Amino acid sequence: MKVRIEKQNRYYYPDVMVTCDERDRGTPAYKKIPCLIVEVLSESTEAFDRGDKFADYEQLETLQEYVLINTKRQRVECFRRSEGFWILQSYTSQQQSFQLKSIDFESAMTALYEDVVFE
């Protein structure tokens, strides 16, 4: 599913997107009111996901959390919107779990990285 950033008339295909807004039911080809977007980082996309794409996603007023999942080590970076600012909370292998407040979700880091073999 693609997300539309109306202010810039751009579309992206995030790895995971959650919308809880009824207005998104009217657009079956795309969503424009997400509360959560997740990107799984790769060497070829990491710079873009952290830079220009995040800058575009910031234009989505309903976006509460932008999550980057690292594939080189157990690390989840969660950017949360708080009073007009983006606050970063990092979760690593040292933590037992990670939390997505926008959808009231918590899971163990070991479950997220189950069957993942790091180089």
Protein backbone atom coordinates (compact mmCIF):
# COMPACT_ATOMS: atom_id res chain seq x y z
CA MET A 1 0.00 0.00 0.00
CA LYS A 2 1.33 3.44 -0.80
CA VAL A 3 1.10 6.58 1.27
CA ARG A 4 0.36 9.94 -0.30
CA ILE A 5 1.90 13.16 0.95
CA GLU A 6 -0.66 15.63 -0.37
CA LYS A 7 1.32 18.82 0.26
CA GLN A 8 3.98 17.58 -2.17
CA ASN A 9 1.87 15.25 -4.31
CA ARG A 10 4.33 12.42 -3.60
CA TYR A 11 3.78 8.74 -3.00
CA TYR A 12 5.93 6.22 -1.15
CA TYR A 13 5.63 2.52 -0.38
CA PRO A 14 6.56 2.15 3.30
CA ASP A 15 7.34 -1.33 4.62
CA VAL A 16 4.52 -1.03 7.18
CA MET A 17 1.88 1.63 7.60
CA VAL A 18 -1.05 1.88 10.02
CA THR A 19 -4.02 4.17 9.63
CA CYS A 20 -6.99 4.24 11.96
CA ASP A 21 -8.82 7.06 10.21
CA GLU A 22 -12.14 6.22 8.55
CA ARG A 23 -11.43 8.73 5.76
CA ASP A 24 -8.71 6.41 4.42
CA ARG A 25 -11.38 3.85 3.49
CA GLY A 26 -12.36 6.11 0.58
CA THR A 27 -9.00 5.75 -1.18
CA PRO A 28 -8.30 2.06 -1.91
CA ALA A 29 -5.14 2.77 -3.98
CA TYR A 30 -3.35 4.78 -1.29
CA LYS A 31 -3.62 6.08 2.27
CA LYS A 32 -2.99 9.64 3.39
CA ILE A 33 -3.77 9.69 7.12
CA PRO A 34 -1.32 7.24 8.76
CA CYS A 35 -0.47 7.32 12.45
CA LEU A 36 2.51 4.93 12.14
CA ILE A 37 5.06 4.27 9.40
CA VAL A 38 7.80 1.63 9.67
CA GLU A 39 10.81 1.25 7.39
CA VAL A 40 13.21 -1.70 7.45
CA LEU A 41 16.65 -0.31 6.68
CA SER A 42 18.95 -1.69 4.01
CA GLU A 43 22.29 -0.42 2.76
CA SER A 44 20.69 0.94 -0.40
CA THR A 45 17.78 2.75 1.32
CA GLU A 46 19.05 3.79 4.75
CA ALA A 47 20.24 7.29 3.85
CA PHE A 48 17.04 8.09 1.97
CA ASP A 49 14.80 6.64 4.72
CA ARG A 50 16.58 8.77 7.34
CA GLY A 51 16.79 11.91 5.20
CA ASP A 52 14.50 13.07 2.43
CA LYS A 53 11.81 10.45 2.97
CA PHE A 54 11.52 11.29 6.68
CA ALA A 55 11.39 15.00 5.79
CA ASP A 56 8.47 14.24 3.48
CA TYR A 57 6.74 12.03 6.05
CA GLU A 58 6.97 14.88 8.57
CA GLN A 59 4.44 16.73 6.40
CA LEU A 60 1.80 14.15 7.41
CA GLU A 61 0.10 15.87 10.33
CA THR A 62 -1.44 12.63 11.59
CA LEU A 63 1.86 10.74 11.72
CA GLN A 64 2.67 10.04 15.37
CA GLU A 65 5.58 7.59 15.00
CA TYR A 66 8.21 6.87 12.37
CA VAL A 67 10.13 3.65 13.07
CA LEU A 68 13.40 2.48 11.54
CA ILE A 69 14.35 -1.17 11.99
CA ASN A 70 18.05 -1.90 11.63
CA THR A 71 19.12 -5.04 9.77
CA LYS A 72 22.80 -4.97 10.82
CA ARG A 73 22.19 -5.24 14.58
CA GLN A 74 19.28 -5.39 17.01
CA ARG A 75 18.26 -1.76 17.01
CA VAL A 76 14.89 -0.07 16.57
CA GLU A 77 14.71 3.71 16.34
CA CYS A 78 11.34 5.24 17.05
CA PHE A 79 10.77 8.91 16.26
CA ARG A 80 7.69 10.15 18.15
CA ARG A 81 5.93 13.44 17.55
CA SER A 82 5.58 15.35 20.80
CA GLU A 83 4.29 18.92 20.95
CA GLY A 84 5.61 19.74 17.48
CA PHE A 85 9.00 18.05 17.95
CA TRP A 86 10.29 14.64 16.97
CA ILE A 87 11.75 12.77 19.94
CA LEU A 88 13.98 9.76 19.28
CA GLN A 89 13.76 6.66 21.44
CA SER A 90 16.18 3.88 20.57
CA TYR A 91 15.70 0.27 21.53
CA THR A 92 18.66 -2.12 21.41
CA SER A 93 19.43 -5.71 22.31
CA GLN A 94 19.98 -4.45 25.87
CA GLN A 95 16.24 -3.78 26.24
CA GLN A 96 13.81 -6.63 26.63
CA SER A 97 11.09 -5.00 24.54
CA PHE A 98 10.13 -2.10 22.33
CA GLN A 99 6.94 -0.06 22.30
CA LEU A 100 4.83 1.62 19.61
CA LYS A 101 2.66 4.06 21.50
CA SER A 102 0.63 5.17 18.47
CA ILE A 103 -1.03 1.76 18.27
CA ASP A 104 -0.58 0.64 21.89
CA PHE A 105 1.75 -2.21 20.93
CA GLU A 106 4.66 -3.78 22.78
CA SER A 107 6.81 -6.73 21.75
CA ALA A 108 10.04 -8.42 22.73
CA MET A 109 13.14 -7.49 20.75
CA THR A 110 13.88 -11.21 20.42
CA ALA A 111 10.52 -11.74 18.70
CA LEU A 112 11.17 -8.94 16.21
CA TYR A 113 14.57 -10.37 15.29
CA GLU A 114 13.58 -14.05 15.46
CA ASP A 115 15.50 -16.14 12.88
CA VAL A 116 17.62 -13.15 11.84
CA VAL A 117 21.31 -13.97 11.40
CA PHE A 118 23.69 -11.01 11.54
CA GLU A 119 26.93 -11.03 9.55
